Amino acid sequence: MTRNITKSARIAVAALALAPATAMAIPMLYEEQLAHSEETRIIRYPIAGIENQWWFNYRSNVGEARKELASDLKRASDTEDKRDAWDEYAGELKDERVDYVKKMQKKGYPVGEVYVGD
């Protein structure tokens, strides 16, 4: 019985020794960080509660950007391809958001702004 516990203990210690090496995270690309930052800015609800063609186009374009990112990452053969995919995705999210907000502002719908003061 003592022999089995010792053998089990050795296996457990060996597993713990390997865990940090196998659990090391791959650093996130700068472009991926920017893309995730843009994702937090995705507009979740229509401006002024108005569900119009621009809202539906915006949501559709965001979904399409996500699909394109997944496809680009799947085909990426090196780090540069991944960087390009994330950079393009972040740019598309930003462009779509800005276009939607500008169209709504042009039509006179109120667009909220937040100011942080001292």
PDB file of N, CA and C in Angstrom:
ATOM      1  N   MET A   1       0.818  -1.190   0.000  1.00  0.00           N
ATOM      2  CA  MET A   1       0.000   0.000   0.000  1.00  0.00           C
ATOM      3  C   MET A   1       0.862   1.254   0.000  1.00  0.00           C
ATOM      4  N   THR A   2       1.906   1.268   0.782  1.00  0.00           N
ATOM      5  CA  THR A   2       2.812   2.400   0.833  1.00  0.00           C
ATOM      6  C   THR A   2       3.435   2.640  -0.535  1.00  0.00           C
ATOM      7  N   ARG A   3       3.737   1.565  -1.207  1.00  0.00           N
ATOM      8  CA  ARG A   3       4.365   1.683  -2.519  1.00  0.00           C
ATOM      9  C   ARG A   3       3.435   2.364  -3.519  1.00  0.00           C
ATOM     10  N   ASN A   4       2.134   2.050  -3.495  1.00  0.00           N
ATOM     11  CA  ASN A   4       1.160   2.675  -4.392  1.00  0.00           C
ATOM     12  C   ASN A   4       1.014   4.169  -4.110  1.00  0.00           C
ATOM     13  N   ILE A   5       0.979   4.540  -2.846  1.00  0.00           N
ATOM     14  CA  ILE A   5       0.871   5.956  -2.497  1.00  0.00           C
ATOM     15  C   ILE A   5       2.103   6.701  -2.984  1.00  0.00           C
ATOM     16  N   THR A   6       3.249   6.138  -2.807  1.00  0.00           N
ATOM     17  CA  THR A   6       4.477   6.776  -3.241  1.00  0.00           C
ATOM     18  C   THR A   6       4.494   6.936  -4.756  1.00  0.00           C
ATOM     19  N   LYS A   7       4.075   5.913  -5.467  1.00  0.00           N
ATOM     20  CA  LYS A   7       4.032   5.984  -6.922  1.00  0.00           C
ATOM     21  C   LYS A   7       3.022   7.041  -7.365  1.00  0.00           C
ATOM     22  N   SER A   8       1.866   7.068  -6.713  1.00  0.00           N
ATOM     23  CA  SER A   8       0.845   8.070  -7.032  1.00  0.00           C
ATOM     24  C   SER A   8       1.345   9.472  -6.715  1.00  0.00           C
ATOM     25  N   ALA A   9       2.043   9.598  -5.604  1.00  0.00           N
ATOM     26  CA  ALA A   9       2.580  10.894  -5.213  1.00  0.00           C
ATOM     27  C   ALA A   9       3.589  11.387  -6.236  1.00  0.00           C
ATOM     28  N   ARG A  10       4.442  10.473  -6.734  1.00  0.00           N
ATOM     29  CA  ARG A  10       5.423  10.865  -7.749  1.00  0.00           C
ATOM     30  C   ARG A  10       4.732  11.325  -9.025  1.00  0.00           C
ATOM     31  N   ILE A  11       3.684  10.647  -9.409  1.00  0.00           N
ATOM     32  CA  ILE A  11       2.943  11.033 -10.621  1.00  0.00           C
ATOM     33  C   ILE A  11       2.318  12.413 -10.431  1.00  0.00           C
ATOM     34  N   ALA A  12       1.736  12.652  -9.244  1.00  0.00           N
ATOM     35  CA  ALA A  12       1.112  13.936  -8.963  1.00  0.00           C
ATOM     36  C   ALA A  12       2.136  15.067  -8.975  1.00  0.00           C
ATOM     37  N   VAL A  13       3.295  14.829  -8.375  1.00  0.00           N
ATOM     38  CA  VAL A  13       4.353  15.848  -8.363  1.00  0.00           C
ATOM     39  C   VAL A  13       4.840  16.121  -9.781  1.00  0.00           C
ATOM     40  N   ALA A  14       4.994  15.082 -10.577  1.00  0.00           N
ATOM     41  CA  ALA A  14       5.430  15.258 -11.962  1.00  0.00           C
ATOM     42  C   ALA A  14       4.393  16.053 -12.750  1.00  0.00           C
ATOM     43  N   ALA A  15       3.122  15.785 -12.524  1.00  0.00           N
ATOM     44  CA  ALA A  15       2.057  16.518 -13.215  1.00  0.00           C
ATOM     45  C   ALA A  15       2.066  17.989 -12.827  1.00  0.00           C
ATOM     46  N   LEU A  16       2.271  18.269 -11.543  1.00  0.00           N
ATOM     47  CA  LEU A  16       2.322  19.655 -11.086  1.00  0.00           C
ATOM     48  C   LEU A  16       3.530  20.387 -11.650  1.00  0.00           C
ATOM     49  N   ALA A  17       4.627  19.670 -11.789  1.00  0.00           N
ATOM     50  CA  ALA A  17       5.833  20.289 -12.335  1.00  0.00           C
ATOM     51  C   ALA A  17       5.634  20.655 -13.801  1.00  0.00           C
ATOM     52  N   LEU A  18       4.856  19.877 -14.533  1.00  0.00           N
ATOM     53  CA  LEU A  18       4.610  20.156 -15.948  1.00  0.00           C
ATOM     54  C   LEU A  18       3.525  21.206 -16.154  1.00  0.00           C
ATOM     55  N   ALA A  19       2.637  21.367 -15.205  1.00  0.00           N
ATOM     56  CA  ALA A  19       1.495  22.264 -15.363  1.00  0.00           C
ATOM     57  C   ALA A  19       1.885  23.690 -15.751  1.00  0.00           C
ATOM     58  N   PRO A  20       2.849  24.333 -15.080  1.00  0.00           N
ATOM     59  CA  PRO A  20       3.188  25.702 -15.476  1.00  0.00           C
ATOM     60  C   PRO A  20       3.713  25.782 -16.904  1.00  0.00           C
ATOM     61  N   ALA A  21       4.448  24.783 -17.339  1.00  0.00           N
ATOM     62  CA  ALA A  21       4.994  24.820 -18.693  1.00  0.00           C
ATOM     63  C   ALA A  21       3.892  24.688 -19.732  1.00  0.00           C
ATOM     64  N   THR A  22       2.903  23.863 -19.456  1.00  0.00           N
ATOM     65  CA  THR A  22       1.833  23.666 -20.427  1.00  0.00           C
ATOM     66  C   THR A  22       0.765  24.745 -20.336  1.00  0.00           C
ATOM     67  N   ALA A  23       0.679  25.429 -19.210  1.00  0.00           N
ATOM     68  CA  ALA A  23      -0.355  26.446 -19.023  1.00  0.00           C
ATOM     69  C   ALA A  23       0.121  27.844 -19.404  1.00  0.00           C
ATOM     70  N   MET A  24       1.320  27.974 -19.909  1.00  0.00           N
ATOM     71  CA  MET A  24       1.825  29.293 -20.275  1.00  0.00           C
ATOM     72  C   MET A  24       0.960  29.884 -21.381  1.00  0.00           C
ATOM     73  N   ALA A  25       0.501  31.088 -21.173  1.00  0.00           N
ATOM     74  CA  ALA A  25      -0.353  31.745 -22.149  1.00  0.00           C
ATOM     75  C   ALA A  25       0.486  32.370 -23.256  1.00  0.00           C
ATOM     76  N   ILE A  26      -0.051  32.315 -24.439  1.00  0.00           N
ATOM     77  CA  ILE A  26       0.582  32.980 -25.568  1.00  0.00           C
ATOM     78  C   ILE A  26       0.230  34.454 -25.464  1.00  0.00           C
ATOM     79  N   PRO A  27       1.222  35.341 -25.560  1.00  0.00           N
ATOM     80  CA  PRO A  27       0.914  36.761 -25.439  1.00  0.00           C
ATOM     81  C   PRO A  27      -0.053  37.215 -26.537  1.00  0.00           C
ATOM     82  N   MET A  28      -0.951  38.099 -26.163  1.00  0.00           N
ATOM     83  CA  MET A  28      -1.935  38.608 -27.111  1.00  0.00           C
ATOM     84  C   MET A  28      -1.270  39.634 -28.027  1.00  0.00           C
ATOM     85  N   LEU A  29      -1.594  39.568 -29.291  1.00  0.00           N
ATOM     86  CA  LEU A  29      -1.072  40.532 -30.252  1.00  0.00           C
ATOM     87  C   LEU A  29      -1.639  41.918 -29.953  1.00  0.00           C
ATOM     88  N   TYR A  30      -0.861  42.942 -30.246  1.00  0.00           N
ATOM     89  CA  TYR A  30      -1.296  44.320 -30.035  1.00  0.00           C
ATOM     90  C   TYR A  30      -2.574  44.598 -30.824  1.00  0.00           C
ATOM     91  N   GLU A  31      -2.615  44.126 -32.073  1.00  0.00           N
ATOM     92  CA  GLU A  31      -3.782  44.338 -32.926  1.00  0.00           C
ATOM     93  C   GLU A  31      -5.021  43.653 -32.348  1.00  0.00           C
ATOM     94  N   GLU A  32      -4.822  42.510 -31.718  1.00  0.00           N
ATOM     95  CA  GLU A  32      -5.932  41.806 -31.087  1.00  0.00           C
ATOM     96  C   GLU A  32      -6.447  42.604 -29.881  1.00  0.00           C
ATOM     97  N   GLN A  33      -5.543  43.191 -29.119  1.00  0.00           N
ATOM     98  CA  GLN A  33      -5.947  44.018 -27.984  1.00  0.00           C
ATOM     99  C   GLN A  33      -6.791  45.200 -28.454  1.00  0.00           C
ATOM    100  N   LEU A  34      -6.349  45.835 -29.537  1.00  0.00           N
ATOM    101  CA  LEU A  34      -7.113  46.966 -30.084  1.00  0.00           C
ATOM    102  C   LEU A  34      -8.487  46.508 -30.550  1.00  0.00           C
ATOM    103  N   ALA A  35      -8.545  45.351 -31.183  1.00  0.00           N
ATOM    104  CA  ALA A  35      -9.819  44.827 -31.662  1.00  0.00           C
ATOM    105  C   ALA A  35     -10.767  44.554 -30.502  1.00  0.00           C
ATOM    106  N   HIS A  36     -10.246  43.985 -29.430  1.00  0.00           N
ATOM    107  CA  HIS A  36     -11.089  43.725 -28.265  1.00  0.00           C
ATOM    108  C   HIS A  36     -11.568  45.039 -27.642  1.00  0.00           C
ATOM    109  N   SER A  37     -10.732  46.047 -27.706  1.00  0.00           N
ATOM    110  CA  SER A  37     -11.134  47.361 -27.224  1.00  0.00           C
ATOM    111  C   SER A  37     -12.279  47.908 -28.080  1.00  0.00           C
ATOM    112  N   GLU A  38     -12.190  47.734 -29.391  1.00  0.00           N
ATOM    113  CA  GLU A  38     -13.264  48.168 -30.287  1.00  0.00           C
ATOM    114  C   GLU A  38     -14.541  47.373 -30.043  1.00  0.00           C
ATOM    115  N   GLU A  39     -14.399  46.102 -29.703  1.00  0.00           N
ATOM    116  CA  GLU A  39     -15.583  45.281 -29.428  1.00  0.00           C
ATOM    117  C   GLU A  39     -16.373  45.828 -28.244  1.00  0.00           C
ATOM    118  N   THR A  40     -15.683  46.400 -27.273  1.00  0.00           N
ATOM    119  CA  THR A  40     -16.385  46.968 -26.117  1.00  0.00           C
ATOM    120  C   THR A  40     -17.182  48.208 -26.510  1.00  0.00           C
ATOM    121  N   ARG A  41     -16.859  48.788 -27.646  1.00  0.00           N
ATOM    122  CA  ARG A  41     -17.550  49.995 -28.120  1.00  0.00           C
ATOM    123  C   ARG A  41     -18.699  49.684 -29.086  1.00  0.00           C
ATOM    124  N   ILE A  42     -18.932  48.413 -29.350  1.00  0.00           N
ATOM    125  CA  ILE A  42     -20.041  48.046 -30.233  1.00  0.00           C
ATOM    126  C   ILE A  42     -21.336  48.570 -29.604  1.00  0.00           C
ATOM    127  N   ILE A  43     -22.122  49.241 -30.393  1.00  0.00           N
ATOM    128  CA  ILE A  43     -23.379  49.808 -29.910  1.00  0.00           C
ATOM    129  C   ILE A  43     -24.380  48.660 -29.749  1.00  0.00           C
ATOM    130  N   ARG A  44     -24.872  48.491 -28.550  1.00  0.00           N
ATOM    131  CA  ARG A  44     -25.745  47.353 -28.220  1.00  0.00           C
ATOM    132  C   ARG A  44     -27.225  47.632 -28.475  1.00  0.00           C
ATOM    133  N   TYR A  45     -27.602  48.894 -28.421  1.00  0.00           N
ATOM    134  CA  TYR A  45     -29.001  49.264 -28.597  1.00  0.00           C
ATOM    135  C   TYR A  45     -29.085  50.398 -29.606  1.00  0.00           C
ATOM    136  N   PRO A  46     -30.176  50.480 -30.343  1.00  0.00           N
ATOM    137  CA  PRO A  46     -30.291  51.546 -31.339  1.00  0.00           C
ATOM    138  C   PRO A  46     -30.288  52.928 -30.693  1.00  0.00           C
ATOM    139  N   ILE A  47     -29.668  53.854 -31.356  1.00  0.00           N
ATOM    140  CA  ILE A  47     -29.611  55.234 -30.880  1.00  0.00           C
ATOM    141  C   ILE A  47     -31.030  55.781 -30.806  1.00  0.00           C
ATOM    142  N   ALA A  48     -31.350  56.396 -29.679  1.00  0.00           N
ATOM    143  CA  ALA A  48     -32.668  56.984 -29.406  1.00  0.00           C
ATOM    144  C   ALA A  48     -33.780  55.937 -29.494  1.00  0.00           C
ATOM    145  N   GLY A  49     -33.421  54.662 -29.441  1.00  0.00           N
ATOM    146  CA  GLY A  49     -34.416  53.599 -29.507  1.00  0.00           C
ATOM    147  C   GLY A  49     -35.043  53.429 -30.884  1.00  0.00           C
ATOM    148  N   ILE A  50     -34.440  54.052 -31.895  1.00  0.00           N
ATOM    149  CA  ILE A  50     -34.991  54.010 -33.256  1.00  0.00           C
ATOM    150  C   ILE A  50     -34.377  52.851 -34.034  1.00  0.00           C
ATOM    151  N   GLU A  51     -35.201  51.865 -34.343  1.00  0.00           N
ATOM    152  CA  GLU A  51     -34.740  50.726 -35.158  1.00  0.00           C
ATOM    153  C   GLU A  51     -35.072  51.032 -36.614  1.00  0.00           C
ATOM    154  N   ASN A  52     -34.095  51.562 -37.322  1.00  0.00           N
ATOM    155  CA  ASN A  52     -34.281  51.904 -38.728  1.00  0.00           C
ATOM    156  C   ASN A  52     -33.272  51.146 -39.589  1.00  0.00           C
ATOM    157  N   GLN A  53     -33.227  51.477 -40.864  1.00  0.00           N
ATOM    158  CA  GLN A  53     -32.335  50.764 -41.783  1.00  0.00           C
ATOM    159  C   GLN A  53     -30.875  50.885 -41.377  1.00  0.00           C
ATOM    160  N   TRP A  54     -30.484  52.025 -40.819  1.00  0.00           N
ATOM    161  CA  TRP A  54     -29.076  52.207 -40.435  1.00  0.00           C
ATOM    162  C   TRP A  54     -28.717  51.317 -39.256  1.00  0.00           C
ATOM    163  N   TRP A  55     -29.652  51.141 -38.322  1.00  0.00           N
ATOM    164  CA  TRP A  55     -29.423  50.251 -37.191  1.00  0.00           C
ATOM    165  C   TRP A  55     -29.244  48.815 -37.679  1.00  0.00           C
ATOM    166  N   PHE A  56     -30.157  48.383 -38.530  1.00  0.00           N
ATOM    167  CA  PHE A  56     -30.085  47.005 -39.013  1.00  0.00           C
ATOM    168  C   PHE A  56     -28.841  46.785 -39.888  1.00  0.00           C
ATOM    169  N   ASN A  57     -28.484  47.792 -40.676  1.00  0.00           N
ATOM    170  CA  ASN A  57     -27.256  47.695 -41.475  1.00  0.00           C
ATOM    171  C   ASN A  57     -26.027  47.607 -40.566  1.00  0.00           C
ATOM    172  N   TYR A  58     -26.027  48.428 -39.521  1.00  0.00           N
ATOM    173  CA  TYR A  58     -24.904  48.419 -38.573  1.00  0.00           C
ATOM    174  C   TYR A  58     -24.757  47.042 -37.950  1.00  0.00           C
ATOM    175  N   ARG A  59     -25.837  46.497 -37.421  1.00  0.00           N
ATOM    176  CA  ARG A  59     -25.780  45.177 -36.780  1.00  0.00           C
ATOM    177  C   ARG A  59     -25.355  44.101 -37.767  1.00  0.00           C
ATOM    178  N   SER A  60     -25.857  44.185 -38.972  1.00  0.00           N
ATOM    179  CA  SER A  60     -25.493  43.213 -40.000  1.00  0.00           C
ATOM    180  C   SER A  60     -24.008  43.310 -40.338  1.00  0.00           C
ATOM    181  N   ASN A  61     -23.508  44.521 -40.461  1.00  0.00           N
ATOM    182  CA  ASN A  61     -22.098  44.728 -40.803  1.00  0.00           C
ATOM    183  C   ASN A  61     -21.168  44.276 -39.679  1.00  0.00           C
ATOM    184  N   VAL A  62     -21.587  44.453 -38.428  1.00  0.00           N
ATOM    185  CA  VAL A  62     -20.792  43.965 -37.298  1.00  0.00           C
ATOM    186  C   VAL A  62     -20.719  42.444 -37.351  1.00  0.00           C
ATOM    187  N   GLY A  63     -21.847  41.810 -37.609  1.00  0.00           N
ATOM    188  CA  GLY A  63     -21.866  40.352 -37.732  1.00  0.00           C
ATOM    189  C   GLY A  63     -20.999  39.865 -38.875  1.00  0.00           C
ATOM    190  N   GLU A  64     -21.049  40.566 -39.983  1.00  0.00           N
ATOM    191  CA  GLU A  64     -20.222  40.198 -41.137  1.00  0.00           C
ATOM    192  C   GLU A  64     -18.737  40.361 -40.823  1.00  0.00           C
ATOM    193  N   ALA A  65     -18.383  41.404 -40.090  1.00  0.00           N
ATOM    194  CA  ALA A  65     -16.982  41.611 -39.700  1.00  0.00           C
ATOM    195  C   ALA A  65     -16.488  40.464 -38.830  1.00  0.00           C
ATOM    196  N   ARG A  66     -17.341  39.989 -37.939  1.00  0.00           N
ATOM    197  CA  ARG A  66     -16.973  38.854 -37.082  1.00  0.00           C
ATOM    198  C   ARG A  66     -16.741  37.591 -37.901  1.00  0.00           C
ATOM    199  N   LYS A  67     -17.626  37.348 -38.857  1.00  0.00           N
ATOM    200  CA  LYS A  67     -17.473  36.170 -39.719  1.00  0.00           C
ATOM    201  C   LYS A  67     -16.188  36.260 -40.533  1.00  0.00           C
ATOM    202  N   GLU A  68     -15.919  37.449 -41.040  1.00  0.00           N
ATOM    203  CA  GLU A  68     -14.705  37.649 -41.835  1.00  0.00           C
ATOM    204  C   GLU A  68     -13.451  37.448 -40.992  1.00  0.00           C
ATOM    205  N   LEU A  69     -13.486  37.928 -39.752  1.00  0.00           N
ATOM    206  CA  LEU A  69     -12.353  37.721 -38.849  1.00  0.00           C
ATOM    207  C   LEU A  69     -12.109  36.239 -38.641  1.00  0.00           C
ATOM    208  N   ALA A  70     -13.168  35.499 -38.350  1.00  0.00           N
ATOM    209  CA  ALA A  70     -13.029  34.055 -38.121  1.00  0.00           C
ATOM    210  C   ALA A  70     -12.435  33.372 -39.346  1.00  0.00           C
ATOM    211  N   SER A  71     -12.896  33.754 -40.512  1.00  0.00           N
ATOM    212  CA  SER A  71     -12.392  33.175 -41.755  1.00  0.00           C
ATOM    213  C   SER A  71     -10.917  33.539 -41.969  1.00  0.00           C
ATOM    214  N   ASP A  72     -10.588  34.803 -41.749  1.00  0.00           N
ATOM    215  CA  ASP A  72      -9.203  35.252 -41.933  1.00  0.00           C
ATOM    216  C   ASP A  72      -8.252  34.557 -40.957  1.00  0.00           C
ATOM    217  N   LEU A  73      -8.686  34.404 -39.708  1.00  0.00           N
ATOM    218  CA  LEU A  73      -7.830  33.736 -38.718  1.00  0.00           C
ATOM    219  C   LEU A  73      -7.652  32.256 -39.046  1.00  0.00           C
ATOM    220  N   LYS A  74      -8.687  31.668 -39.589  1.00  0.00           N
ATOM    221  CA  LYS A  74      -8.612  30.254 -39.956  1.00  0.00           C
ATOM    222  C   LYS A  74      -7.586  30.040 -41.082  1.00  0.00           C
ATOM    223  N   ARG A  75      -7.535  30.997 -42.007  1.00  0.00           N
ATOM    224  CA  ARG A  75      -6.610  30.899 -43.142  1.00  0.00           C
ATOM    225  C   ARG A  75      -5.222  31.458 -42.846  1.00  0.00           C
ATOM    226  N   ALA A  76      -5.052  32.102 -41.697  1.00  0.00           N
ATOM    227  CA  ALA A  76      -3.765  32.732 -41.360  1.00  0.00           C
ATOM    228  C   ALA A  76      -2.670  31.671 -41.259  1.00  0.00           C
ATOM    229  N   SER A  77      -1.575  31.953 -41.931  1.00  0.00           N
ATOM    230  CA  SER A  77      -0.466  30.993 -41.927  1.00  0.00           C
ATOM    231  C   SER A  77       0.700  31.455 -41.058  1.00  0.00           C
ATOM    232  N   ASP A  78       0.682  32.711 -40.652  1.00  0.00           N
ATOM    233  CA  ASP A  78       1.755  33.215 -39.791  1.00  0.00           C
ATOM    234  C   ASP A  78       1.237  34.374 -38.944  1.00  0.00           C
ATOM    235  N   THR A  79       2.097  34.884 -38.112  1.00  0.00           N
ATOM    236  CA  THR A  79       1.713  35.962 -37.190  1.00  0.00           C
ATOM    237  C   THR A  79       1.285  37.214 -37.943  1.00  0.00           C
ATOM    238  N   GLU A  80       1.941  37.514 -39.031  1.00  0.00           N
ATOM    239  CA  GLU A  80       1.599  38.707 -39.802  1.00  0.00           C
ATOM    240  C   GLU A  80       0.173  38.624 -40.348  1.00  0.00           C
ATOM    241  N   ASP A  81      -0.225  37.438 -40.801  1.00  0.00           N
ATOM    242  CA  ASP A  81      -1.601  37.254 -41.276  1.00  0.00           C
ATOM    243  C   ASP A  81      -2.597  37.482 -40.143  1.00  0.00           C
ATOM    244  N   LYS A  82      -2.265  36.992 -38.956  1.00  0.00           N
ATOM    245  CA  LYS A  82      -3.146  37.183 -37.805  1.00  0.00           C
ATOM    246  C   LYS A  82      -3.244  38.659 -37.442  1.00  0.00           C
ATOM    247  N   ARG A  83      -2.103  39.332 -37.478  1.00  0.00           N
ATOM    248  CA  ARG A  83      -2.103  40.766 -37.169  1.00  0.00           C
ATOM    249  C   ARG A  83      -2.973  41.525 -38.160  1.00  0.00           C
ATOM    250  N   ASP A  84      -2.830  41.199 -39.435  1.00  0.00           N
ATOM    251  CA  ASP A  84      -3.638  41.858 -40.467  1.00  0.00           C
ATOM    252  C   ASP A  84      -5.128  41.612 -40.239  1.00  0.00           C
ATOM    253  N   ALA A  85      -5.481  40.367 -39.890  1.00  0.00           N
ATOM    254  CA  ALA A  85      -6.889  40.025 -39.670  1.00  0.00           C
ATOM    255  C   ALA A  85      -7.466  40.820 -38.507  1.00  0.00           C
ATOM    256  N   TRP A  86      -6.754  40.867 -37.390  1.00  0.00           N
ATOM    257  CA  TRP A  86      -7.236  41.607 -36.215  1.00  0.00           C
ATOM    258  C   TRP A  86      -7.306  43.101 -36.499  1.00  0.00           C
ATOM    259  N   ASP A  87      -6.305  43.636 -37.218  1.00  0.00           N
ATOM    260  CA  ASP A  87      -6.275  45.056 -37.543  1.00  0.00           C
ATOM    261  C   ASP A  87      -7.460  45.433 -38.437  1.00  0.00           C
ATOM    262  N   GLU A  88      -7.713  44.602 -39.425  1.00  0.00           N
ATOM    263  CA  GLU A  88      -8.839  44.850 -40.324  1.00  0.00           C
ATOM    264  C   GLU A  88     -10.163  44.804 -39.568  1.00  0.00           C
ATOM    265  N   TYR A  89     -10.300  43.842 -38.695  1.00  0.00           N
ATOM    266  CA  TYR A  89     -11.522  43.699 -37.896  1.00  0.00           C
ATOM    267  C   TYR A  89     -11.749  44.935 -37.027  1.00  0.00           C
ATOM    268  N   ALA A  90     -10.716  45.380 -36.328  1.00  0.00           N
ATOM    269  CA  ALA A  90     -10.840  46.566 -35.475  1.00  0.00           C
ATOM    270  C   ALA A  90     -11.235  47.780 -36.304  1.00  0.00           C
ATOM    271  N   GLY A  91     -10.616  47.926 -37.460  1.00  0.00           N
ATOM    272  CA  GLY A  91     -10.932  49.052 -38.339  1.00  0.00           C
ATOM    273  C   GLY A  91     -12.368  49.015 -38.831  1.00  0.00           C
ATOM    274  N   GLU A  92     -12.835  47.825 -39.182  1.00  0.00           N
ATOM    275  CA  GLU A  92     -14.212  47.693 -39.655  1.00  0.00           C
ATOM    276  C   GLU A  92     -15.215  48.019 -38.551  1.00  0.00           C
ATOM    277  N   LEU A  93     -14.949  47.538 -37.347  1.00  0.00           N
ATOM    278  CA  LEU A  93     -15.854  47.847 -36.238  1.00  0.00           C
ATOM    279  C   LEU A  93     -15.938  49.347 -35.997  1.00  0.00           C
ATOM    280  N   LYS A  94     -14.788  49.997 -36.004  1.00  0.00           N
ATOM    281  CA  LYS A  94     -14.756  51.441 -35.764  1.00  0.00           C
ATOM    282  C   LYS A  94     -15.472  52.193 -36.884  1.00  0.00           C
ATOM    283  N   ASP A  95     -15.174  51.845 -38.123  1.00  0.00           N
ATOM    284  CA  ASP A  95     -15.797  52.519 -39.262  1.00  0.00           C
ATOM    285  C   ASP A  95     -17.319  52.374 -39.236  1.00  0.00           C
ATOM    286  N   GLU A  96     -17.794  51.176 -38.961  1.00  0.00           N
ATOM    287  CA  GLU A  96     -19.236  50.940 -38.929  1.00  0.00           C
ATOM    288  C   GLU A  96     -19.901  51.742 -37.818  1.00  0.00           C
ATOM    289  N   ARG A  97     -19.265  51.786 -36.648  1.00  0.00           N
ATOM    290  CA  ARG A  97     -19.821  52.540 -35.528  1.00  0.00           C
ATOM    291  C   ARG A  97     -19.892  54.027 -35.853  1.00  0.00           C
ATOM    292  N   VAL A  98     -18.794  54.561 -36.365  1.00  0.00           N
ATOM    293  CA  VAL A  98     -18.734  55.988 -36.690  1.00  0.00           C
ATOM    294  C   VAL A  98     -19.759  56.339 -37.762  1.00  0.00           C
ATOM    295  N   ASP A  99     -19.877  55.503 -38.793  1.00  0.00           N
ATOM    296  CA  ASP A  99     -20.845  55.764 -39.865  1.00  0.00           C
ATOM    297  C   ASP A  99     -22.270  55.775 -39.328  1.00  0.00           C
ATOM    298  N   TYR A 100     -22.604  54.799 -38.487  1.00  0.00           N
ATOM    299  CA  TYR A 100     -23.950  54.723 -37.920  1.00  0.00           C
ATOM    300  C   TYR A 100     -24.258  55.958 -37.074  1.00  0.00           C
ATOM    301  N   VAL A 101     -23.329  56.340 -36.224  1.00  0.00           N
ATOM    302  CA  VAL A 101     -23.541  57.509 -35.362  1.00  0.00           C
ATOM    303  C   VAL A 101     -23.704  58.770 -36.209  1.00  0.00           C
ATOM    304  N   LYS A 102     -22.875  58.942 -37.223  1.00  0.00           N
ATOM    305  CA  LYS A 102     -22.971  60.137 -38.078  1.00  0.00           C
ATOM    306  C   LYS A 102     -24.309  60.207 -38.800  1.00  0.00           C
ATOM    307  N   LYS A 103     -24.777  59.070 -39.305  1.00  0.00           N
ATOM    308  CA  LYS A 103     -26.066  59.055 -40.001  1.00  0.00           C
ATOM    309  C   LYS A 103     -27.199  59.426 -39.062  1.00  0.00           C
ATOM    310  N   MET A 104     -27.151  58.911 -37.851  1.00  0.00           N
ATOM    311  CA  MET A 104     -28.199  59.223 -36.877  1.00  0.00           C
ATOM    312  C   MET A 104     -28.132  60.688 -36.440  1.00  0.00           C
ATOM    313  N   GLN A 105     -26.930  61.212 -36.274  1.00  0.00           N
ATOM    314  CA  GLN A 105     -26.780  62.623 -35.914  1.00  0.00           C
ATOM    315  C   GLN A 105     -27.313  63.514 -37.029  1.00  0.00           C
ATOM    316  N   LYS A 106     -27.010  63.137 -38.263  1.00  0.00           N
ATOM    317  CA  LYS A 106     -27.446  63.930 -39.416  1.00  0.00           C
ATOM    318  C   LYS A 106     -28.969  64.003 -39.480  1.00  0.00           C
ATOM    319  N   LYS A 107     -29.644  62.941 -39.054  1.00  0.00           N
ATOM    320  CA  LYS A 107     -31.105  62.925 -39.044  1.00  0.00           C
ATOM    321  C   LYS A 107     -31.685  63.606 -37.804  1.00  0.00           C
ATOM    322  N   GLY A 108     -30.809  64.046 -36.900  1.00  0.00           N
ATOM    323  CA  GLY A 108     -31.260  64.794 -35.738  1.00  0.00           C
ATOM    324  C   GLY A 108     -31.554  63.972 -34.497  1.00  0.00           C
ATOM    325  N   TYR A 109     -31.209  62.701 -34.528  1.00  0.00           N
ATOM    326  CA  TYR A 109     -31.439  61.874 -33.339  1.00  0.00           C
ATOM    327  C   TYR A 109     -30.342  62.161 -32.310  1.00  0.00           C
ATOM    328  N   PRO A 110     -30.724  62.238 -31.033  1.00  0.00           N
ATOM    329  CA  PRO A 110     -29.729  62.544 -30.004  1.00  0.00           C
ATOM    330  C   PRO A 110     -28.756  61.379 -29.800  1.00  0.00           C
ATOM    331  N   VAL A 111     -27.491  61.712 -29.802  1.00  0.00           N
ATOM    332  CA  VAL A 111     -26.437  60.730 -29.563  1.00  0.00           C
ATOM    333  C   VAL A 111     -25.752  61.138 -28.276  1.00  0.00           C
ATOM    334  N   GLY A 112     -25.777  60.260 -27.292  1.00  0.00           N
ATOM    335  CA  GLY A 112     -25.207  60.580 -25.982  1.00  0.00           C
ATOM    336  C   GLY A 112     -23.704  60.720 -26.022  1.00  0.00           C
ATOM    337  N   GLU A 113     -23.202  61.604 -25.195  1.00  0.00           N
ATOM    338  CA  GLU A 113     -21.770  61.798 -25.029  1.00  0.00           C
ATOM    339  C   GLU A 113     -21.473  61.816 -23.545  1.00  0.00           C
ATOM    340  N   VAL A 114     -20.325  61.302 -23.191  1.00  0.00           N
ATOM    341  CA  VAL A 114     -19.919  61.264 -21.783  1.00  0.00           C
ATOM    342  C   VAL A 114     -18.649  62.083 -21.640  1.00  0.00           C
ATOM    343  N   TYR A 115     -18.668  63.004 -20.677  1.00  0.00           N
ATOM    344  CA  TYR A 115     -17.493  63.809 -20.394  1.00  0.00           C
ATOM    345  C   TYR A 115     -17.025  63.492 -18.991  1.00  0.00           C
ATOM    346  N   VAL A 116     -15.749  63.284 -18.841  1.00  0.00           N
ATOM    347  CA  VAL A 116     -15.189  63.016 -17.527  1.00  0.00           C
ATOM    348  C   VAL A 116     -14.341  64.218 -17.146  1.00  0.00           C
ATOM    349  N   GLY A 117     -14.728  64.850 -16.070  1.00  0.00           N
ATOM    350  CA  GLY A 117     -14.030  66.066 -15.646  1.00  0.00           C
ATOM    351  C   GLY A 117     -13.151  65.812 -14.430  1.00  0.00           C
ATOM    352  N   ASP A 118     -12.514  66.870 -13.985  1.00  0.00           N
ATOM    353  CA  ASP A 118     -11.634  66.769 -12.834  1.00  0.00           C
ATOM    354  C   ASP A 118     -12.402  66.668 -11.553  1.00  0.00           C
TER     355      ASP A 118
END
